[in-house]
Amino acid sequence: MRGLGTELLNVGFGNMVVAKRIITIVNPSSAPSKRLKDEAKEGRKLVDATNGRRTRSIVVTDSDHVILSAIQTETLAQRLLGNQGEKG
């Protein structure tokens, strides 16, 4: 999605993240991912964008914010790649 020159990634339920601020999108099932989520919560940098659904991916930004999404990791990656393909 484009808006005023800023590429946005829809992480579900109308929630958007600035695409160029994303460092990684990871699967939440591993122990390091769970640790990352817990540390972000303690540091008040956790954003829950799941709308009460099960967390299916974790988005990490360059500001150390951790965003929980109910959308599959692969789907978010495809959306992100699709945004980059629209630039030209």
PDB file of N, CA and C in Angstrom:
ATOM      1  N   MET A   1       0.838  -1.169   0.000  1.00  0.00           N
ATOM      2  CA  MET A   1       0.000   0.000   0.000  1.00  0.00           C
ATOM      3  C   MET A   1       0.887   1.237   0.000  1.00  0.00           C
ATOM      4  N   ARG A   2       0.531   2.215  -0.817  1.00  0.00           N
ATOM      5  CA  ARG A   2       1.306   3.446  -0.913  1.00  0.00           C
ATOM      6  C   ARG A   2       0.543   4.591  -0.279  1.00  0.00           C
ATOM      7  N   GLY A   3       1.264   5.472   0.381  1.00  0.00           N
ATOM      8  CA  GLY A   3       0.642   6.649   0.966  1.00  0.00           C
ATOM      9  C   GLY A   3       1.677   7.726   1.163  1.00  0.00           C
ATOM     10  N   LEU A   4       1.580   8.799   0.407  1.00  0.00           N
ATOM     11  CA  LEU A   4       2.496   9.928   0.533  1.00  0.00           C
ATOM     12  C   LEU A   4       3.957   9.509   0.429  1.00  0.00           C
ATOM     13  N   GLY A   5       4.254   8.582  -0.454  1.00  0.00           N
ATOM     14  CA  GLY A   5       5.635   8.160  -0.672  1.00  0.00           C
ATOM     15  C   GLY A   5       6.140   7.137   0.329  1.00  0.00           C
ATOM     16  N   THR A   6       5.287   6.676   1.236  1.00  0.00           N
ATOM     17  CA  THR A   6       5.689   5.704   2.246  1.00  0.00           C
ATOM     18  C   THR A   6       5.033   4.366   1.943  1.00  0.00           C
ATOM     19  N   GLU A   7       5.851   3.323   1.837  1.00  0.00           N
ATOM     20  CA  GLU A   7       5.331   1.968   1.605  1.00  0.00           C
ATOM     21  C   GLU A   7       4.887   1.386   2.947  1.00  0.00           C
ATOM     22  N   LEU A   8       3.664   0.877   2.999  1.00  0.00           N
ATOM     23  CA  LEU A   8       3.124   0.293   4.219  1.00  0.00           C
ATOM     24  C   LEU A   8       2.852  -1.187   4.002  1.00  0.00           C
ATOM     25  N   LEU A   9       3.078  -1.979   5.036  1.00  0.00           N
ATOM     26  CA  LEU A   9       2.782  -3.407   5.002  1.00  0.00           C
ATOM     27  C   LEU A   9       1.586  -3.663   5.909  1.00  0.00           C
ATOM     28  N   ASN A  10       0.536  -4.255   5.354  1.00  0.00           N
ATOM     29  CA  ASN A  10      -0.644  -4.601   6.133  1.00  0.00           C
ATOM     30  C   ASN A  10      -0.327  -5.859   6.939  1.00  0.00           C
ATOM     31  N   VAL A  11      -0.330  -5.742   8.279  1.00  0.00           N
ATOM     32  CA  VAL A  11      -0.049  -6.891   9.144  1.00  0.00           C
ATOM     33  C   VAL A  11      -1.331  -7.484   9.712  1.00  0.00           C
ATOM     34  N   GLY A  12      -2.466  -7.062   9.160  1.00  0.00           N
ATOM     35  CA  GLY A  12      -3.750  -7.634   9.533  1.00  0.00           C
ATOM     36  C   GLY A  12      -4.645  -6.688  10.302  1.00  0.00           C
ATOM     37  N   PHE A  13      -5.950  -6.825  10.058  1.00  0.00           N
ATOM     38  CA  PHE A  13      -6.984  -6.089  10.775  1.00  0.00           C
ATOM     39  C   PHE A  13      -6.815  -4.576  10.683  1.00  0.00           C
ATOM     40  N   GLY A  14      -6.357  -4.115   9.531  1.00  0.00           N
ATOM     41  CA  GLY A  14      -6.203  -2.682   9.301  1.00  0.00           C
ATOM     42  C   GLY A  14      -4.961  -2.069   9.934  1.00  0.00           C
ATOM     43  N   ASN A  15      -4.072  -2.889  10.444  1.00  0.00           N
ATOM     44  CA  ASN A  15      -2.836  -2.410  11.057  1.00  0.00           C
ATOM     45  C   ASN A  15      -1.720  -2.391  10.021  1.00  0.00           C
ATOM     46  N   MET A  16      -0.979  -1.300   9.983  1.00  0.00           N
ATOM     47  CA  MET A  16       0.075  -1.121   8.989  1.00  0.00           C
ATOM     48  C   MET A  16       1.418  -0.849   9.670  1.00  0.00           C
ATOM     49  N   VAL A  17       2.482  -1.273   8.995  1.00  0.00           N
ATOM     50  CA  VAL A  17       3.849  -1.020   9.440  1.00  0.00           C
ATOM     51  C   VAL A  17       4.598  -0.413   8.261  1.00  0.00           C
ATOM     52  N   VAL A  18       5.454   0.576   8.528  1.00  0.00           N
ATOM     53  CA  VAL A  18       6.258   1.169   7.468  1.00  0.00           C
ATOM     54  C   VAL A  18       7.247   0.107   6.987  1.00  0.00           C
ATOM     55  N   ALA A  19       7.140  -0.263   5.725  1.00  0.00           N
ATOM     56  CA  ALA A  19       7.887  -1.397   5.175  1.00  0.00           C
ATOM     57  C   ALA A  19       9.396  -1.231   5.300  1.00  0.00           C
ATOM     58  N   LYS A  20       9.915  -0.039   5.049  1.00  0.00           N
ATOM     59  CA  LYS A  20      11.379   0.106   5.081  1.00  0.00           C
ATOM     60  C   LYS A  20      11.953   0.102   6.494  1.00  0.00           C
ATOM     61  N   ARG A  21      11.112   0.084   7.525  1.00  0.00           N
ATOM     62  CA  ARG A  21      11.582   0.001   8.907  1.00  0.00           C
ATOM     63  C   ARG A  21      11.690  -1.445   9.390  1.00  0.00           C
ATOM     64  N   ILE A  22      11.192  -2.391   8.588  1.00  0.00           N
ATOM     65  CA  ILE A  22      11.189  -3.803   8.977  1.00  0.00           C
ATOM     66  C   ILE A  22      12.568  -4.416   8.790  1.00  0.00           C
ATOM     67  N   ILE A  23      13.054  -5.066   9.840  1.00  0.00           N
ATOM     68  CA  ILE A  23      14.335  -5.771   9.787  1.00  0.00           C
ATOM     69  C   ILE A  23      14.101  -7.237   9.426  1.00  0.00           C
ATOM     70  N   THR A  24      13.120  -7.860  10.100  1.00  0.00           N
ATOM     71  CA  THR A  24      12.864  -9.277   9.862  1.00  0.00           C
ATOM     72  C   THR A  24      11.424  -9.641  10.203  1.00  0.00           C
ATOM     73  N   ILE A  25      10.978 -10.747   9.620  1.00  0.00           N
ATOM     74  CA  ILE A  25       9.681 -11.344   9.949  1.00  0.00           C
ATOM     75  C   ILE A  25       9.976 -12.797  10.294  1.00  0.00           C
ATOM     76  N   VAL A  26       9.632 -13.201  11.518  1.00  0.00           N
ATOM     77  CA  VAL A  26       9.991 -14.547  11.975  1.00  0.00           C
ATOM     78  C   VAL A  26       8.769 -15.326  12.444  1.00  0.00           C
ATOM     79  N   ASN A  27       8.931 -16.639  12.456  1.00  0.00           N
ATOM     80  CA  ASN A  27       7.916 -17.549  12.953  1.00  0.00           C
ATOM     81  C   ASN A  27       7.950 -17.520  14.484  1.00  0.00           C
ATOM     82  N   PRO A  28       6.816 -17.455  15.151  1.00  0.00           N
ATOM     83  CA  PRO A  28       6.804 -17.302  16.613  1.00  0.00           C
ATOM     84  C   PRO A  28       6.989 -18.590  17.412  1.00  0.00           C
ATOM     85  N   SER A  29       7.169 -19.720  16.748  1.00  0.00           N
ATOM     86  CA  SER A  29       7.179 -20.992  17.478  1.00  0.00           C
ATOM     87  C   SER A  29       8.513 -21.354  18.131  1.00  0.00           C
ATOM     88  N   SER A  30       9.597 -20.707  17.733  1.00  0.00           N
ATOM     89  CA  SER A  30      10.905 -21.067  18.307  1.00  0.00           C
ATOM     90  C   SER A  30      11.134 -20.386  19.656  1.00  0.00           C
ATOM     91  N   ALA A  31      12.001 -20.965  20.451  1.00  0.00           N
ATOM     92  CA  ALA A  31      12.321 -20.410  21.763  1.00  0.00           C
ATOM     93  C   ALA A  31      12.928 -19.004  21.664  1.00  0.00           C
ATOM     94  N   PRO A  32      13.849 -18.742  20.721  1.00  0.00           N
ATOM     95  CA  PRO A  32      14.382 -17.383  20.608  1.00  0.00           C
ATOM     96  C   PRO A  32      13.302 -16.345  20.261  1.00  0.00           C
ATOM     97  N   SER A  33      12.322 -16.742  19.446  1.00  0.00           N
ATOM     98  CA  SER A  33      11.228 -15.836  19.108  1.00  0.00           C
ATOM     99  C   SER A  33      10.391 -15.510  20.337  1.00  0.00           C
ATOM    100  N   LYS A  34      10.141 -16.514  21.143  1.00  0.00           N
ATOM    101  CA  LYS A  34       9.373 -16.303  22.375  1.00  0.00           C
ATOM    102  C   LYS A  34      10.142 -15.404  23.334  1.00  0.00           C
ATOM    103  N   ARG A  35      11.459 -15.581  23.393  1.00  0.00           N
ATOM    104  CA  ARG A  35      12.300 -14.732  24.237  1.00  0.00           C
ATOM    105  C   ARG A  35      12.275 -13.285  23.737  1.00  0.00           C
ATOM    106  N   LEU A  36      12.350 -13.126  22.431  1.00  0.00           N
ATOM    107  CA  LEU A  36      12.290 -11.804  21.806  1.00  0.00           C
ATOM    108  C   LEU A  36      10.980 -11.105  22.173  1.00  0.00           C
ATOM    109  N   LYS A  37       9.886 -11.836  22.103  1.00  0.00           N
ATOM    110  CA  LYS A  37       8.572 -11.290  22.447  1.00  0.00           C
ATOM    111  C   LYS A  37       8.521 -10.882  23.923  1.00  0.00           C
ATOM    112  N   ASP A  38       9.021 -11.729  24.801  1.00  0.00           N
ATOM    113  CA  ASP A  38       9.008 -11.441  26.238  1.00  0.00           C
ATOM    114  C   ASP A  38       9.858 -10.217  26.574  1.00  0.00           C
ATOM    115  N   GLU A  39      11.029 -10.111  25.939  1.00  0.00           N
ATOM    116  CA  GLU A  39      11.905  -8.961  26.191  1.00  0.00           C
ATOM    117  C   GLU A  39      11.276  -7.664  25.692  1.00  0.00           C
ATOM    118  N   ALA A  40      10.593  -7.730  24.553  1.00  0.00           N
ATOM    119  CA  ALA A  40       9.920  -6.540  24.021  1.00  0.00           C
ATOM    120  C   ALA A  40       8.787  -6.112  24.952  1.00  0.00           C
ATOM    121  N   LYS A  41       8.095  -7.091  25.509  1.00  0.00           N
ATOM    122  CA  LYS A  41       7.005  -6.774  26.436  1.00  0.00           C
ATOM    123  C   LYS A  41       7.546  -6.077  27.682  1.00  0.00           C
ATOM    124  N   GLU A  42       8.644  -6.587  28.208  1.00  0.00           N
ATOM    125  CA  GLU A  42       9.263  -5.973  29.388  1.00  0.00           C
ATOM    126  C   GLU A  42       9.742  -4.552  29.089  1.00  0.00           C
ATOM    127  N   GLY A  43      10.261  -4.353  27.883  1.00  0.00           N
ATOM    128  CA  GLY A  43      10.772  -3.043  27.482  1.00  0.00           C
ATOM    129  C   GLY A  43       9.702  -2.119  26.922  1.00  0.00           C
ATOM    130  N   ARG A  44       8.436  -2.535  26.979  1.00  0.00           N
ATOM    131  CA  ARG A  44       7.299  -1.751  26.486  1.00  0.00           C
ATOM    132  C   ARG A  44       7.430  -1.400  25.008  1.00  0.00           C
ATOM    133  N   LYS A  45       7.948  -2.359  24.226  1.00  0.00           N
ATOM    134  CA  LYS A  45       8.095  -2.176  22.785  1.00  0.00           C
ATOM    135  C   LYS A  45       7.360  -3.263  22.002  1.00  0.00           C
ATOM    136  N   LEU A  46       6.383  -3.881  22.656  1.00  0.00           N
ATOM    137  CA  LEU A  46       5.602  -4.935  22.020  1.00  0.00           C
ATOM    138  C   LEU A  46       4.272  -4.357  21.542  1.00  0.00           C
ATOM    139  N   VAL A  47       3.950  -4.613  20.275  1.00  0.00           N
ATOM    140  CA  VAL A  47       2.676  -4.181  19.704  1.00  0.00           C
ATOM    141  C   VAL A  47       1.920  -5.438  19.276  1.00  0.00           C
ATOM    142  N   ASP A  48       0.749  -5.646  19.872  1.00  0.00           N
ATOM    143  CA  ASP A  48      -0.059  -6.814  19.540  1.00  0.00           C
ATOM    144  C   ASP A  48      -1.094  -6.410  18.497  1.00  0.00           C
ATOM    145  N   ALA A  49      -0.878  -6.821  17.254  1.00  0.00           N
ATOM    146  CA  ALA A  49      -1.787  -6.502  16.155  1.00  0.00           C
ATOM    147  C   ALA A  49      -2.584  -7.733  15.733  1.00  0.00           C
ATOM    148  N   THR A  50      -2.772  -8.681  16.657  1.00  0.00           N
ATOM    149  CA  THR A  50      -3.452  -9.932  16.330  1.00  0.00           C
ATOM    150  C   THR A  50      -4.968  -9.848  16.469  1.00  0.00           C
ATOM    151  N   ASN A  51      -5.453  -8.814  17.120  1.00  0.00           N
ATOM    152  CA  ASN A  51      -6.892  -8.652  17.333  1.00  0.00           C
ATOM    153  C   ASN A  51      -7.464  -9.863  18.079  1.00  0.00           C
ATOM    154  N   GLY A  52      -6.688 -10.391  19.026  1.00  0.00           N
ATOM    155  CA  GLY A  52      -7.129 -11.525  19.834  1.00  0.00           C
ATOM    156  C   GLY A  52      -6.942 -12.885  19.201  1.00  0.00           C
ATOM    157  N   ARG A  53      -6.392 -12.925  18.013  1.00  0.00           N
ATOM    158  CA  ARG A  53      -6.166 -14.198  17.322  1.00  0.00           C
ATOM    159  C   ARG A  53      -4.799 -14.768  17.718  1.00  0.00           C
ATOM    160  N   ARG A  54      -4.530 -15.976  17.239  1.00  0.00           N
ATOM    161  CA  ARG A  54      -3.246 -16.620  17.501  1.00  0.00           C
ATOM    162  C   ARG A  54      -2.136 -15.905  16.739  1.00  0.00           C
ATOM    163  N   THR A  55      -0.985 -15.725  17.377  1.00  0.00           N
ATOM    164  CA  THR A  55       0.167 -15.096  16.735  1.00  0.00           C
ATOM    165  C   THR A  55       0.777 -16.075  15.740  1.00  0.00           C
ATOM    166  N   ARG A  56       0.877 -15.647  14.475  1.00  0.00           N
ATOM    167  CA  ARG A  56       1.437 -16.501  13.426  1.00  0.00           C
ATOM    168  C   ARG A  56       2.748 -15.955  12.876  1.00  0.00           C
ATOM    169  N   SER A  57       3.061 -14.699  13.200  1.00  0.00           N
ATOM    170  CA  SER A  57       4.354 -14.148  12.799  1.00  0.00           C
ATOM    171  C   SER A  57       4.716 -12.983  13.709  1.00  0.00           C
ATOM    172  N   ILE A  58       6.018 -12.725  13.778  1.00  0.00           N
ATOM    173  CA  ILE A  58       6.554 -11.632  14.567  1.00  0.00           C
ATOM    174  C   ILE A  58       7.375 -10.748  13.639  1.00  0.00           C
ATOM    175  N   VAL A  59       7.047  -9.445  13.650  1.00  0.00           N
ATOM    176  CA  VAL A  59       7.745  -8.471  12.816  1.00  0.00           C
ATOM    177  C   VAL A  59       8.640  -7.642  13.733  1.00  0.00           C
ATOM    178  N   VAL A  60       9.927  -7.533  13.381  1.00  0.00           N
ATOM    179  CA  VAL A  60      10.878  -6.743  14.158  1.00  0.00           C
ATOM    180  C   VAL A  60      11.278  -5.532  13.328  1.00  0.00           C
ATOM    181  N   THR A  61      11.233  -4.348  13.961  1.00  0.00           N
ATOM    182  CA  THR A  61      11.574  -3.114  13.251  1.00  0.00           C
ATOM    183  C   THR A  61      12.935  -2.587  13.692  1.00  0.00           C
ATOM    184  N   ASP A  62      13.436  -1.609  12.949  1.00  0.00           N
ATOM    185  CA  ASP A  62      14.747  -1.034  13.273  1.00  0.00           C
ATOM    186  C   ASP A  62      14.733  -0.197  14.546  1.00  0.00           C
ATOM    187  N   SER A  63      13.549   0.080  15.091  1.00  0.00           N
ATOM    188  CA  SER A  63      13.446   0.808  16.363  1.00  0.00           C
ATOM    189  C   SER A  63      13.298  -0.158  17.541  1.00  0.00           C
ATOM    190  N   ASP A  64      13.552  -1.438  17.284  1.00  0.00           N
ATOM    191  CA  ASP A  64      13.445  -2.519  18.278  1.00  0.00           C
ATOM    192  C   ASP A  64      12.015  -2.788  18.723  1.00  0.00           C
ATOM    193  N   HIS A  65      11.024  -2.308  17.982  1.00  0.00           N
ATOM    194  CA  HIS A  65       9.647  -2.665  18.277  1.00  0.00           C
ATOM    195  C   HIS A  65       9.375  -4.056  17.707  1.00  0.00           C
ATOM    196  N   VAL A  66       8.571  -4.811  18.426  1.00  0.00           N
ATOM    197  CA  VAL A  66       8.205  -6.159  18.028  1.00  0.00           C
ATOM    198  C   VAL A  66       6.689  -6.168  17.834  1.00  0.00           C
ATOM    199  N   ILE A  67       6.252  -6.531  16.636  1.00  0.00           N
ATOM    200  CA  ILE A  67       4.840  -6.497  16.291  1.00  0.00           C
ATOM    201  C   ILE A  67       4.356  -7.916  16.064  1.00  0.00           C
ATOM    202  N   LEU A  68       3.303  -8.297  16.793  1.00  0.00           N
ATOM    203  CA  LEU A  68       2.710  -9.620  16.648  1.00  0.00           C
ATOM    204  C   LEU A  68       1.599  -9.546  15.613  1.00  0.00           C
ATOM    205  N   SER A  69       1.578 -10.500  14.692  1.00  0.00           N
ATOM    206  CA  SER A  69       0.572 -10.525  13.637  1.00  0.00           C
ATOM    207  C   SER A  69      -0.089 -11.891  13.573  1.00  0.00           C
ATOM    208  N   ALA A  70      -1.356 -11.898  13.204  1.00  0.00           N
ATOM    209  CA  ALA A  70      -2.098 -13.145  13.039  1.00  0.00           C
ATOM    210  C   ALA A  70      -1.970 -13.689  11.618  1.00  0.00           C
ATOM    211  N   ILE A  71      -1.156 -13.036  10.795  1.00  0.00           N
ATOM    212  CA  ILE A  71      -0.962 -13.451   9.406  1.00  0.00           C
ATOM    213  C   ILE A  71       0.320 -14.284   9.309  1.00  0.00           C
ATOM    214  N   GLN A  72       0.283 -15.327   8.494  1.00  0.00           N
ATOM    215  CA  GLN A  72       1.432 -16.220   8.319  1.00  0.00           C
ATOM    216  C   GLN A  72       2.672 -15.438   7.868  1.00  0.00           C
ATOM    217  N   THR A  73       3.820 -15.893   8.305  1.00  0.00           N
ATOM    218  CA  THR A  73       5.102 -15.286   7.950  1.00  0.00           C
ATOM    219  C   THR A  73       5.278 -15.210   6.432  1.00  0.00           C
ATOM    220  N   GLU A  74       4.964 -16.292   5.743  1.00  0.00           N
ATOM    221  CA  GLU A  74       5.131 -16.332   4.285  1.00  0.00           C
ATOM    222  C   GLU A  74       4.237 -15.317   3.583  1.00  0.00           C
ATOM    223  N   THR A  75       3.019 -15.153   4.089  1.00  0.00           N
ATOM    224  CA  THR A  75       2.079 -14.194   3.496  1.00  0.00           C
ATOM    225  C   THR A  75       2.592 -12.769   3.663  1.00  0.00           C
ATOM    226  N   LEU A  76       3.101 -12.448   4.848  1.00  0.00           N
ATOM    227  CA  LEU A  76       3.659 -11.112   5.070  1.00  0.00           C
ATOM    228  C   LEU A  76       4.860 -10.871   4.164  1.00  0.00           C
ATOM    229  N   ALA A  77       5.699 -11.888   4.001  1.00  0.00           N
ATOM    230  CA  ALA A  77       6.873 -11.753   3.138  1.00  0.00           C
ATOM    231  C   ALA A  77       6.451 -11.505   1.691  1.00  0.00           C
ATOM    232  N   GLN A  78       5.428 -12.212   1.229  1.00  0.00           N
ATOM    233  CA  GLN A  78       4.930 -12.001  -0.132  1.00  0.00           C
ATOM    234  C   GLN A  78       4.376 -10.595  -0.296  1.00  0.00           C
ATOM    235  N   ARG A  79       3.650 -10.109   0.708  1.00  0.00           N
ATOM    236  CA  ARG A  79       3.118  -8.747   0.654  1.00  0.00           C
ATOM    237  C   ARG A  79       4.253  -7.730   0.611  1.00  0.00           C
ATOM    238  N   LEU A  80       5.289  -7.976   1.405  1.00  0.00           N
ATOM    239  CA  LEU A  80       6.428  -7.061   1.447  1.00  0.00           C
ATOM    240  C   LEU A  80       7.149  -7.044   0.104  1.00  0.00           C
ATOM    241  N   LEU A  81       7.362  -8.200  -0.482  1.00  0.00           N
ATOM    242  CA  LEU A  81       8.004  -8.274  -1.801  1.00  0.00           C
ATOM    243  C   LEU A  81       7.136  -7.638  -2.877  1.00  0.00           C
ATOM    244  N   GLY A  82       5.827  -7.784  -2.735  1.00  0.00           N
ATOM    245  CA  GLY A  82       4.900  -7.161  -3.676  1.00  0.00           C
ATOM    246  C   GLY A  82       4.984  -5.648  -3.617  1.00  0.00           C
ATOM    247  N   ASN A  83       5.131  -5.088  -2.414  1.00  0.00           N
ATOM    248  CA  ASN A  83       5.289  -3.639  -2.248  1.00  0.00           C
ATOM    249  C   ASN A  83       6.554  -3.147  -2.935  1.00  0.00           C
ATOM    250  N   GLN A  84       7.637  -3.916  -2.816  1.00  0.00           N
ATOM    251  CA  GLN A  84       8.905  -3.506  -3.418  1.00  0.00           C
ATOM    252  C   GLN A  84       8.819  -3.574  -4.924  1.00  0.00           C
ATOM    253  N   GLY A  85       8.050  -4.514  -5.464  1.00  0.00           N
ATOM    254  CA  GLY A  85       7.906  -4.655  -6.906  1.00  0.00           C
ATOM    255  C   GLY A  85       7.111  -3.519  -7.524  1.00  0.00           C
ATOM    256  N   GLU A  86       6.284  -2.819  -6.739  1.00  0.00           N
ATOM    257  CA  GLU A  86       5.456  -1.725  -7.241  1.00  0.00           C
ATOM    258  C   GLU A  86       6.218  -0.425  -7.385  1.00  0.00           C
ATOM    259  N   LYS A  87       7.437  -0.346  -6.848  1.00  0.00           N
ATOM    260  CA  LYS A  87       8.195   0.907  -6.832  1.00  0.00           C
ATOM    261  C   LYS A  87       8.512   1.427  -8.215  1.00  0.00           C
ATOM    262  N   GLY A  88       8.789   0.550  -9.174  1.00  0.00           N
ATOM    263  CA  GLY A  88       9.263   0.949 -10.472  1.00  0.00           C
ATOM    264  C   GLY A  88       8.258   1.627 -11.272  1.00  0.00           C
TER     265      GLY A  88
END
